[in-house]
Amino acid sequence: MDKIAPQEEPGNEMSFLDHLEELRWHLIRAVLAVVIAGGIAFILKSFIFDVLLFGPANGDFFSYKVLCRLSGYFGIDGGFCDPEMPFRIQSRTMGGQFSAHVWTSITAGFIIAFPYIIYEFWKFVAPAMHSNERRHAKGFIFVTSFLFFLGVLFGYYVVTPLSINFLGKYQVSDTVFNDFDLSSYISLVRASVLASGLIFELPIVIYFLTKVGVVTPDFLRKYRKYALVIVLILSAIITPPDIVSQIIVAIPVLILYEVSIIISRIMYKKEEEKLKK
């Protein structure tokens, strides 16, 4: 029989206000981690902007070379082989560059500190779990962080280049030249990276939804075709409006959905076994 943690004993039950106070300190520590990581990113301005942020704006970016070879192999002209990007990035407000520096540093701080944020989340919910569930803390933090970083890399190396290549080269007329505002460019990169990172957390979300009884593996299999439509719509939102880009983004998300079904089936069986005991 599992040993009950001290905070789960009847005499040590926490009130609602105590839970709020506990949550407040977890949030404070998580925010502090983001600020510290963001401060480091703020100092590394040249690397963050010149190498990372503006990397996909250069025609010789790694992803364009790979996409150029793939498009040539499949006989598709996606415009990935052009070494020049026909647009400029500019700042049109007095505080535009400083504001971009600050908010980009905060975004980078959130990404860097993500494992610690998940750790603080786990510490908050752990007292409500059994001791055998708490033993999986390291695995949960590792898997959640791994999926997030995998999604971030996918967003940076796949979604972002596809979006920049399409939107940067799109013209309604030769008389119109693309001059993108700095904030608009950064918003596109930030949205692509963070959205992909969160989408890749789908298996974790399904795990918890199965655990609390909201979804079942049969439910996920039954509505697979509707999930396919949702994934295609989601791909159309975060990528340029061309079918190749949407397929490239949709494939890994569909794989994640299938993995989520497997996870749900395993979790569902475990919950059924617990009820039988």
C-alpha atoms as a PDB file:
ATOM      1  CA  MET A   1       0.000   0.000   0.000  1.00  0.00           C
ATOM      2  CA  ASP A   2       1.366   3.430  -0.932  1.00  0.00           C
ATOM      3  CA  LYS A   3       2.583   5.634   1.827  1.00  0.00           C
ATOM      4  CA  ILE A   4       0.592   8.842   2.038  1.00  0.00           C
ATOM      5  CA  ALA A   5       2.611  12.035   1.825  1.00  0.00           C
ATOM      6  CA  PRO A   6       2.455  14.400   4.819  1.00  0.00           C
ATOM      7  CA  GLN A   7       0.532  17.038   2.901  1.00  0.00           C
ATOM      8  CA  GLU A   8      -2.137  14.439   2.039  1.00  0.00           C
ATOM      9  CA  GLU A   9      -2.843  13.509   5.668  1.00  0.00           C
ATOM     10  CA  PRO A  10      -6.219  14.695   6.952  1.00  0.00           C
ATOM     11  CA  GLY A  11      -4.672  16.866   9.651  1.00  0.00           C
ATOM     12  CA  ASN A  12      -2.403  18.635   7.185  1.00  0.00           C
ATOM     13  CA  GLU A  13      -4.905  19.483   4.472  1.00  0.00           C
ATOM     14  CA  MET A  14      -4.265  22.874   2.892  1.00  0.00           C
ATOM     15  CA  SER A  15      -6.994  25.476   2.579  1.00  0.00           C
ATOM     16  CA  PHE A  16      -7.885  27.191  -0.690  1.00  0.00           C
ATOM     17  CA  LEU A  17      -5.900  30.280   0.306  1.00  0.00           C
ATOM     18  CA  ASP A  18      -2.914  28.102   1.203  1.00  0.00           C
ATOM     19  CA  HIS A  19      -3.053  26.577  -2.270  1.00  0.00           C
ATOM     20  CA  LEU A  20      -3.183  30.051  -3.811  1.00  0.00           C
ATOM     21  CA  GLU A  21      -0.173  31.109  -1.742  1.00  0.00           C
ATOM     22  CA  GLU A  22       1.706  27.985  -2.810  1.00  0.00           C
ATOM     23  CA  LEU A  23       0.798  28.621  -6.446  1.00  0.00           C
ATOM     24  CA  ARG A  24       1.955  32.228  -6.144  1.00  0.00           C
ATOM     25  CA  TRP A  25       5.444  31.176  -5.052  1.00  0.00           C
ATOM     26  CA  HIS A  26       5.695  28.610  -7.830  1.00  0.00           C
ATOM     27  CA  LEU A  27       4.749  31.316 -10.342  1.00  0.00           C
ATOM     28  CA  ILE A  28       7.224  33.772  -8.838  1.00  0.00           C
ATOM     29  CA  ARG A  29      10.080  31.262  -9.115  1.00  0.00           C
ATOM     30  CA  ALA A  30       9.067  30.386 -12.688  1.00  0.00           C
ATOM     31  CA  VAL A  31       8.934  34.061 -13.691  1.00  0.00           C
ATOM     32  CA  LEU A  32      12.274  34.663 -12.006  1.00  0.00           C
ATOM     33  CA  ALA A  33      13.793  31.827 -14.052  1.00  0.00           C
ATOM     34  CA  VAL A  34      12.429  33.411 -17.252  1.00  0.00           C
ATOM     35  CA  VAL A  35      13.858  36.807 -16.248  1.00  0.00           C
ATOM     36  CA  ILE A  36      17.306  35.358 -15.511  1.00  0.00           C
ATOM     37  CA  ALA A  37      17.370  33.361 -18.762  1.00  0.00           C
ATOM     38  CA  GLY A  38      16.021  36.411 -20.607  1.00  0.00           C
ATOM     39  CA  GLY A  39      18.784  38.532 -19.093  1.00  0.00           C
ATOM     40  CA  ILE A  40      21.385  36.155 -20.492  1.00  0.00           C
ATOM     41  CA  ALA A  41      19.673  36.308 -23.897  1.00  0.00           C
ATOM     42  CA  PHE A  42      19.623  40.129 -23.649  1.00  0.00           C
ATOM     43  CA  ILE A  43      23.399  40.157 -23.214  1.00  0.00           C
ATOM     44  CA  LEU A  44      23.885  37.777 -26.161  1.00  0.00           C
ATOM     45  CA  LYS A  45      22.207  40.244 -28.522  1.00  0.00           C
ATOM     46  CA  SER A  46      24.435  39.616 -31.552  1.00  0.00           C
ATOM     47  CA  PHE A  47      23.984  35.849 -31.440  1.00  0.00           C
ATOM     48  CA  ILE A  48      20.228  36.012 -30.789  1.00  0.00           C
ATOM     49  CA  PHE A  49      19.516  38.481 -33.595  1.00  0.00           C
ATOM     50  CA  ASP A  50      22.249  38.110 -36.233  1.00  0.00           C
ATOM     51  CA  VAL A  51      22.596  34.330 -36.057  1.00  0.00           C
ATOM     52  CA  LEU A  52      19.247  32.983 -34.817  1.00  0.00           C
ATOM     53  CA  LEU A  53      16.532  35.515 -35.528  1.00  0.00           C
ATOM     54  CA  PHE A  54      17.750  36.822 -38.881  1.00  0.00           C
ATOM     55  CA  GLY A  55      19.176  33.489 -40.020  1.00  0.00           C
ATOM     56  CA  PRO A  56      15.990  32.456 -41.889  1.00  0.00           C
ATOM     57  CA  ALA A  57      16.007  35.850 -43.653  1.00  0.00           C
ATOM     58  CA  ASN A  58      19.178  34.849 -45.536  1.00  0.00           C
ATOM     59  CA  GLY A  59      18.976  32.780 -48.704  1.00  0.00           C
ATOM     60  CA  ASP A  60      21.875  30.572 -47.615  1.00  0.00           C
ATOM     61  CA  PHE A  61      20.053  29.415 -44.464  1.00  0.00           C
ATOM     62  CA  PHE A  62      20.428  25.675 -43.823  1.00  0.00           C
ATOM     63  CA  SER A  63      16.716  24.901 -44.292  1.00  0.00           C
ATOM     64  CA  TYR A  64      16.592  26.514 -47.736  1.00  0.00           C
ATOM     65  CA  LYS A  65      19.450  24.311 -48.940  1.00  0.00           C
ATOM     66  CA  VAL A  66      17.615  21.185 -47.773  1.00  0.00           C
ATOM     67  CA  LEU A  67      14.280  22.367 -49.201  1.00  0.00           C
ATOM     68  CA  CYS A  68      16.001  23.266 -52.480  1.00  0.00           C
ATOM     69  CA  ARG A  69      17.307  19.700 -52.823  1.00  0.00           C
ATOM     70  CA  LEU A  70      13.935  18.197 -51.863  1.00  0.00           C
ATOM     71  CA  SER A  71      12.010  20.412 -54.285  1.00  0.00           C
ATOM     72  CA  GLY A  72      14.452  19.474 -57.059  1.00  0.00           C
ATOM     73  CA  TYR A  73      14.113  15.782 -56.221  1.00  0.00           C
ATOM     74  CA  PHE A  74      10.302  15.907 -56.403  1.00  0.00           C
ATOM     75  CA  GLY A  75      10.268  18.322 -59.335  1.00  0.00           C
ATOM     76  CA  ILE A  76       8.571  21.119 -57.407  1.00  0.00           C
ATOM     77  CA  ASP A  77       9.494  24.771 -57.884  1.00  0.00           C
ATOM     78  CA  GLY A  78       9.148  26.213 -54.398  1.00  0.00           C
ATOM     79  CA  GLY A  79      11.573  29.076 -54.890  1.00  0.00           C
ATOM     80  CA  PHE A  80      13.921  27.698 -52.232  1.00  0.00           C
ATOM     81  CA  CYS A  81      17.045  27.781 -54.421  1.00  0.00           C
ATOM     82  CA  ASP A  82      17.212  31.574 -54.800  1.00  0.00           C
ATOM     83  CA  PRO A  83      20.125  32.861 -52.649  1.00  0.00           C
ATOM     84  CA  GLU A  84      18.630  36.355 -52.445  1.00  0.00           C
ATOM     85  CA  MET A  85      15.661  37.408 -50.334  1.00  0.00           C
ATOM     86  CA  PRO A  86      13.818  40.315 -52.046  1.00  0.00           C
ATOM     87  CA  PHE A  87      12.911  42.215 -48.897  1.00  0.00           C
ATOM     88  CA  ARG A  88      14.389  44.410 -46.192  1.00  0.00           C
ATOM     89  CA  ILE A  89      13.715  44.535 -42.471  1.00  0.00           C
ATOM     90  CA  GLN A  90      13.397  47.980 -40.944  1.00  0.00           C
ATOM     91  CA  SER A  91      12.347  49.692 -37.735  1.00  0.00           C
ATOM     92  CA  ARG A  92      10.032  52.670 -38.149  1.00  0.00           C
ATOM     93  CA  THR A  93       9.594  53.767 -34.548  1.00  0.00           C
ATOM     94  CA  MET A  94      12.042  55.385 -32.120  1.00  0.00           C
ATOM     95  CA  GLY A  95      11.863  52.594 -29.567  1.00  0.00           C
ATOM     96  CA  GLY A  96      11.267  49.816 -32.073  1.00  0.00           C
ATOM     97  CA  GLN A  97      14.684  48.173 -31.864  1.00  0.00           C
ATOM     98  CA  PHE A  98      14.954  48.398 -28.085  1.00  0.00           C
ATOM     99  CA  SER A  99      11.416  47.038 -27.650  1.00  0.00           C
ATOM    100  CA  ALA A 100      12.224  44.184 -30.047  1.00  0.00           C
ATOM    101  CA  HIS A 101      15.386  43.461 -28.068  1.00  0.00           C
ATOM    102  CA  VAL A 102      13.503  43.271 -24.758  1.00  0.00           C
ATOM    103  CA  TRP A 103      10.579  41.128 -25.942  1.00  0.00           C
ATOM    104  CA  THR A 104      12.791  38.806 -27.941  1.00  0.00           C
ATOM    105  CA  SER A 105      14.931  38.288 -24.839  1.00  0.00           C
ATOM    106  CA  ILE A 106      11.818  37.448 -22.795  1.00  0.00           C
ATOM    107  CA  THR A 107      10.696  34.946 -25.438  1.00  0.00           C
ATOM    108  CA  ALA A 108      14.156  33.366 -25.490  1.00  0.00           C
ATOM    109  CA  GLY A 109      14.105  33.325 -21.683  1.00  0.00           C
ATOM    110  CA  PHE A 110      10.798  31.435 -21.682  1.00  0.00           C
ATOM    111  CA  ILE A 111      12.144  28.844 -24.129  1.00  0.00           C
ATOM    112  CA  ILE A 112      15.393  28.366 -22.200  1.00  0.00           C
ATOM    113  CA  ALA A 113      13.650  28.189 -18.822  1.00  0.00           C
ATOM    114  CA  PHE A 114      10.860  25.897 -20.023  1.00  0.00           C
ATOM    115  CA  PRO A 115      12.184  22.772 -18.213  1.00  0.00           C
ATOM    116  CA  TYR A 116      12.274  24.702 -14.928  1.00  0.00           C
ATOM    117  CA  ILE A 117       8.751  26.044 -15.530  1.00  0.00           C
ATOM    118  CA  ILE A 118       7.553  22.463 -15.994  1.00  0.00           C
ATOM    119  CA  TYR A 119       9.456  21.498 -12.829  1.00  0.00           C
ATOM    120  CA  GLU A 120       7.610  24.166 -10.835  1.00  0.00           C
ATOM    121  CA  PHE A 121       4.306  23.011 -12.308  1.00  0.00           C
ATOM    122  CA  TRP A 122       5.085  19.440 -11.276  1.00  0.00           C
ATOM    123  CA  LYS A 123       6.017  20.513  -7.755  1.00  0.00           C
ATOM    124  CA  PHE A 124       2.627  22.220  -7.434  1.00  0.00           C
ATOM    125  CA  VAL A 125       0.534  19.250  -8.592  1.00  0.00           C
ATOM    126  CA  ALA A 126       2.727  16.491  -7.093  1.00  0.00           C
ATOM    127  CA  PRO A 127       1.193  16.582  -3.567  1.00  0.00           C
ATOM    128  CA  ALA A 128      -2.154  15.510  -5.063  1.00  0.00           C
ATOM    129  CA  MET A 129      -0.582  12.415  -6.628  1.00  0.00           C
ATOM    130  CA  HIS A 130       0.292   9.008  -5.256  1.00  0.00           C
ATOM    131  CA  SER A 131       3.877   8.255  -4.321  1.00  0.00           C
ATOM    132  CA  ASN A 132       4.316   5.879  -7.285  1.00  0.00           C
ATOM    133  CA  GLU A 133       3.177   8.649  -9.645  1.00  0.00           C
ATOM    134  CA  ARG A 134       5.567  11.151  -8.076  1.00  0.00           C
ATOM    135  CA  ARG A 135       8.446   8.806  -8.868  1.00  0.00           C
ATOM    136  CA  HIS A 136       7.921   9.592 -12.556  1.00  0.00           C
ATOM    137  CA  ALA A 137       8.709  13.299 -12.060  1.00  0.00           C
ATOM    138  CA  LYS A 138      12.066  13.215 -13.844  1.00  0.00           C
ATOM    139  CA  GLY A 139      10.609  11.330 -16.778  1.00  0.00           C
ATOM    140  CA  PHE A 140       7.697  13.742 -17.086  1.00  0.00           C
ATOM    141  CA  ILE A 141       9.953  16.810 -17.028  1.00  0.00           C
ATOM    142  CA  PHE A 142      12.351  15.262 -19.553  1.00  0.00           C
ATOM    143  CA  VAL A 143       9.659  14.116 -22.024  1.00  0.00           C
ATOM    144  CA  THR A 144       7.697  17.368 -21.794  1.00  0.00           C
ATOM    145  CA  SER A 145      10.836  19.466 -22.301  1.00  0.00           C
ATOM    146  CA  PHE A 146      12.074  17.226 -25.116  1.00  0.00           C
ATOM    147  CA  LEU A 147       8.784  17.509 -27.031  1.00  0.00           C
ATOM    148  CA  PHE A 148       8.716  21.290 -26.543  1.00  0.00           C
ATOM    149  CA  PHE A 149      12.282  21.773 -27.763  1.00  0.00           C
ATOM    150  CA  LEU A 150      11.617  19.401 -30.662  1.00  0.00           C
ATOM    151  CA  GLY A 151       8.624  21.548 -31.601  1.00  0.00           C
ATOM    152  CA  VAL A 152      10.680  24.733 -31.267  1.00  0.00           C
ATOM    153  CA  LEU A 153      13.325  23.317 -33.625  1.00  0.00           C
ATOM    154  CA  PHE A 154      10.613  22.231 -36.058  1.00  0.00           C
ATOM    155  CA  GLY A 155       9.078  25.697 -35.947  1.00  0.00           C
ATOM    156  CA  TYR A 156      12.457  27.374 -36.450  1.00  0.00           C
ATOM    157  CA  TYR A 157      13.885  25.148 -39.174  1.00  0.00           C
ATOM    158  CA  VAL A 158      10.687  24.246 -41.041  1.00  0.00           C
ATOM    159  CA  VAL A 159       7.678  26.499 -40.357  1.00  0.00           C
ATOM    160  CA  THR A 160       9.613  29.780 -40.165  1.00  0.00           C
ATOM    161  CA  PRO A 161      11.611  29.315 -43.413  1.00  0.00           C
ATOM    162  CA  LEU A 162       8.492  28.202 -45.284  1.00  0.00           C
ATOM    163  CA  SER A 163       6.601  31.277 -44.093  1.00  0.00           C
ATOM    164  CA  ILE A 164       9.440  33.735 -44.761  1.00  0.00           C
ATOM    165  CA  ASN A 165      10.207  32.258 -48.180  1.00  0.00           C
ATOM    166  CA  PHE A 166       6.581  32.536 -49.284  1.00  0.00           C
ATOM    167  CA  LEU A 167       5.598  35.865 -47.716  1.00  0.00           C
ATOM    168  CA  GLY A 168       8.974  37.515 -48.351  1.00  0.00           C
ATOM    169  CA  LYS A 169       8.842  36.755 -52.059  1.00  0.00           C
ATOM    170  CA  TYR A 170       5.129  37.286 -52.609  1.00  0.00           C
ATOM    171  CA  GLN A 171       4.291  40.373 -54.674  1.00  0.00           C
ATOM    172  CA  VAL A 172       1.022  41.698 -56.057  1.00  0.00           C
ATOM    173  CA  SER A 173       3.003  43.903 -58.457  1.00  0.00           C
ATOM    174  CA  ASP A 174       6.614  44.540 -59.424  1.00  0.00           C
ATOM    175  CA  THR A 175       6.150  48.165 -58.381  1.00  0.00           C
ATOM    176  CA  VAL A 176       5.675  47.146 -54.728  1.00  0.00           C
ATOM    177  CA  PHE A 177       8.812  46.353 -52.729  1.00  0.00           C
ATOM    178  CA  ASN A 178       8.626  44.423 -49.482  1.00  0.00           C
ATOM    179  CA  ASP A 179       9.875  46.465 -46.540  1.00  0.00           C
ATOM    180  CA  PHE A 180       8.914  44.517 -43.426  1.00  0.00           C
ATOM    181  CA  ASP A 181       8.731  46.148 -40.048  1.00  0.00           C
ATOM    182  CA  LEU A 182      11.027  44.611 -37.433  1.00  0.00           C
ATOM    183  CA  SER A 183       8.138  43.851 -35.070  1.00  0.00           C
ATOM    184  CA  SER A 184       6.199  42.100 -37.862  1.00  0.00           C
ATOM    185  CA  TYR A 185       9.160  39.889 -38.743  1.00  0.00           C
ATOM    186  CA  ILE A 186       9.854  38.974 -35.119  1.00  0.00           C
ATOM    187  CA  SER A 187       6.152  38.237 -34.516  1.00  0.00           C
ATOM    188  CA  LEU A 188       6.158  35.756 -37.385  1.00  0.00           C
ATOM    189  CA  VAL A 189       9.248  33.943 -36.080  1.00  0.00           C
ATOM    190  CA  ARG A 190       7.980  33.987 -32.488  1.00  0.00           C
ATOM    191  CA  ALA A 191       4.528  32.697 -33.414  1.00  0.00           C
ATOM    192  CA  SER A 192       5.964  29.919 -35.618  1.00  0.00           C
ATOM    193  CA  VAL A 193       8.410  28.739 -32.952  1.00  0.00           C
ATOM    194  CA  LEU A 194       6.141  28.927 -29.893  1.00  0.00           C
ATOM    195  CA  ALA A 195       3.074  27.542 -31.682  1.00  0.00           C
ATOM    196  CA  SER A 196       5.078  24.541 -32.905  1.00  0.00           C
ATOM    197  CA  GLY A 197       6.562  24.003 -29.452  1.00  0.00           C
ATOM    198  CA  LEU A 198       3.112  23.926 -27.855  1.00  0.00           C
ATOM    199  CA  ILE A 199       1.593  21.754 -30.606  1.00  0.00           C
ATOM    200  CA  PHE A 200       4.270  19.145 -29.968  1.00  0.00           C
ATOM    201  CA  GLU A 201       2.965  18.856 -26.392  1.00  0.00           C
ATOM    202  CA  LEU A 202      -0.088  17.020 -27.760  1.00  0.00           C
ATOM    203  CA  PRO A 203       0.961  13.591 -26.353  1.00  0.00           C
ATOM    204  CA  ILE A 204       1.327  15.115 -22.871  1.00  0.00           C
ATOM    205  CA  VAL A 205      -2.102  16.760 -23.101  1.00  0.00           C
ATOM    206  CA  ILE A 206      -3.680  13.491 -24.232  1.00  0.00           C
ATOM    207  CA  TYR A 207      -1.942  11.665 -21.375  1.00  0.00           C
ATOM    208  CA  PHE A 208      -3.566  13.906 -18.751  1.00  0.00           C
ATOM    209  CA  LEU A 209      -6.949  13.993 -20.513  1.00  0.00           C
ATOM    210  CA  THR A 210      -6.959  10.186 -20.544  1.00  0.00           C
ATOM    211  CA  LYS A 211      -5.907  10.042 -16.910  1.00  0.00           C
ATOM    212  CA  VAL A 212      -8.823  12.213 -15.780  1.00  0.00           C
ATOM    213  CA  GLY A 213     -11.258  10.343 -18.055  1.00  0.00           C
ATOM    214  CA  VAL A 214     -11.980  13.098 -20.568  1.00  0.00           C
ATOM    215  CA  VAL A 215     -10.814  11.099 -23.605  1.00  0.00           C
ATOM    216  CA  THR A 216     -10.325   7.415 -24.391  1.00  0.00           C
ATOM    217  CA  PRO A 217      -8.295   5.650 -27.101  1.00  0.00           C
ATOM    218  CA  ASP A 218     -11.558   4.578 -28.774  1.00  0.00           C
ATOM    219  CA  PHE A 219     -12.677   8.214 -28.854  1.00  0.00           C
ATOM    220  CA  LEU A 220      -9.389   9.287 -30.461  1.00  0.00           C
ATOM    221  CA  ARG A 221      -9.587   6.532 -33.074  1.00  0.00           C
ATOM    222  CA  LYS A 222     -13.250   7.235 -33.813  1.00  0.00           C
ATOM    223  CA  TYR A 223     -12.638  10.925 -34.479  1.00  0.00           C
ATOM    224  CA  ARG A 224      -9.324  10.481 -36.303  1.00  0.00           C
ATOM    225  CA  LYS A 225     -10.771  11.810 -39.562  1.00  0.00           C
ATOM    226  CA  TYR A 226     -11.997  14.964 -37.829  1.00  0.00           C
ATOM    227  CA  ALA A 227      -8.579  15.365 -36.241  1.00  0.00           C
ATOM    228  CA  LEU A 228      -7.069  15.178 -39.734  1.00  0.00           C
ATOM    229  CA  VAL A 229      -9.268  18.077 -40.858  1.00  0.00           C
ATOM    230  CA  ILE A 230      -8.342  20.108 -37.771  1.00  0.00           C
ATOM    231  CA  VAL A 231      -4.637  19.435 -38.343  1.00  0.00           C
ATOM    232  CA  LEU A 232      -4.899  20.572 -41.969  1.00  0.00           C
ATOM    233  CA  ILE A 233      -6.724  23.743 -40.892  1.00  0.00           C
ATOM    234  CA  LEU A 234      -4.101  24.362 -38.221  1.00  0.00           C
ATOM    235  CA  SER A 235      -1.330  23.813 -40.760  1.00  0.00           C
ATOM    236  CA  ALA A 236      -3.007  26.299 -43.092  1.00  0.00           C
ATOM    237  CA  ILE A 237      -3.056  28.892 -40.299  1.00  0.00           C
ATOM    238  CA  ILE A 238       0.603  28.643 -39.258  1.00  0.00           C
ATOM    239  CA  THR A 239       2.053  28.112 -42.761  1.00  0.00           C
ATOM    240  CA  PRO A 240       1.819  29.858 -46.130  1.00  0.00           C
ATOM    241  CA  PRO A 241      -1.251  29.038 -48.263  1.00  0.00           C
ATOM    242  CA  ASP A 242       0.420  26.439 -50.468  1.00  0.00           C
ATOM    243  CA  ILE A 243      -0.285  22.730 -50.302  1.00  0.00           C
ATOM    244  CA  VAL A 244       3.369  21.631 -50.042  1.00  0.00           C
ATOM    245  CA  SER A 245       4.028  23.681 -46.903  1.00  0.00           C
ATOM    246  CA  GLN A 246       0.800  22.496 -45.305  1.00  0.00           C
ATOM    247  CA  ILE A 247       1.661  18.840 -45.931  1.00  0.00           C
ATOM    248  CA  ILE A 248       5.189  19.288 -44.542  1.00  0.00           C
ATOM    249  CA  VAL A 249       3.764  20.722 -41.317  1.00  0.00           C
ATOM    250  CA  ALA A 250       0.782  18.353 -41.111  1.00  0.00           C
ATOM    251  CA  ILE A 251       2.802  15.124 -41.309  1.00  0.00           C
ATOM    252  CA  PRO A 252       4.626  15.415 -37.932  1.00  0.00           C
ATOM    253  CA  VAL A 253       1.439  16.621 -36.218  1.00  0.00           C
ATOM    254  CA  LEU A 254      -0.452  13.580 -37.520  1.00  0.00           C
ATOM    255  CA  ILE A 255       2.380  11.356 -36.285  1.00  0.00           C
ATOM    256  CA  LEU A 256       2.057  12.989 -32.869  1.00  0.00           C
ATOM    257  CA  TYR A 257      -1.678  12.280 -32.945  1.00  0.00           C
ATOM    258  CA  GLU A 258      -1.042   8.584 -33.625  1.00  0.00           C
ATOM    259  CA  VAL A 259       1.537   8.512 -30.823  1.00  0.00           C
ATOM    260  CA  SER A 260      -1.062  10.141 -28.568  1.00  0.00           C
ATOM    261  CA  ILE A 261      -3.498   7.308 -29.333  1.00  0.00           C
ATOM    262  CA  ILE A 262      -0.882   4.765 -28.248  1.00  0.00           C
ATOM    263  CA  ILE A 263      -0.187   6.725 -25.055  1.00  0.00           C
ATOM    264  CA  SER A 264      -3.911   7.010 -24.372  1.00  0.00           C
ATOM    265  CA  ARG A 265      -4.373   3.253 -24.816  1.00  0.00           C
ATOM    266  CA  ILE A 266      -1.552   2.461 -22.371  1.00  0.00           C
ATOM    267  CA  MET A 267      -2.829   4.985 -19.836  1.00  0.00           C
ATOM    268  CA  TYR A 268      -6.427   3.795 -20.204  1.00  0.00           C
ATOM    269  CA  LYS A 269      -5.435   0.182 -19.479  1.00  0.00           C
ATOM    270  CA  LYS A 270      -3.520   1.252 -16.378  1.00  0.00           C
ATOM    271  CA  GLU A 271      -6.519   3.187 -15.074  1.00  0.00           C
ATOM    272  CA  GLU A 272      -8.787   0.200 -15.709  1.00  0.00           C
ATOM    273  CA  GLU A 273      -6.411  -2.092 -13.798  1.00  0.00           C
ATOM    274  CA  LYS A 274      -6.462   0.314 -10.843  1.00  0.00           C
ATOM    275  CA  LEU A 275     -10.267   0.239 -10.733  1.00  0.00           C
ATOM    276  CA  LYS A 276     -10.298  -3.568 -10.745  1.00  0.00           C
ATOM    277  CA  LYS A 277      -8.049  -3.773  -7.680  1.00  0.00           C
END
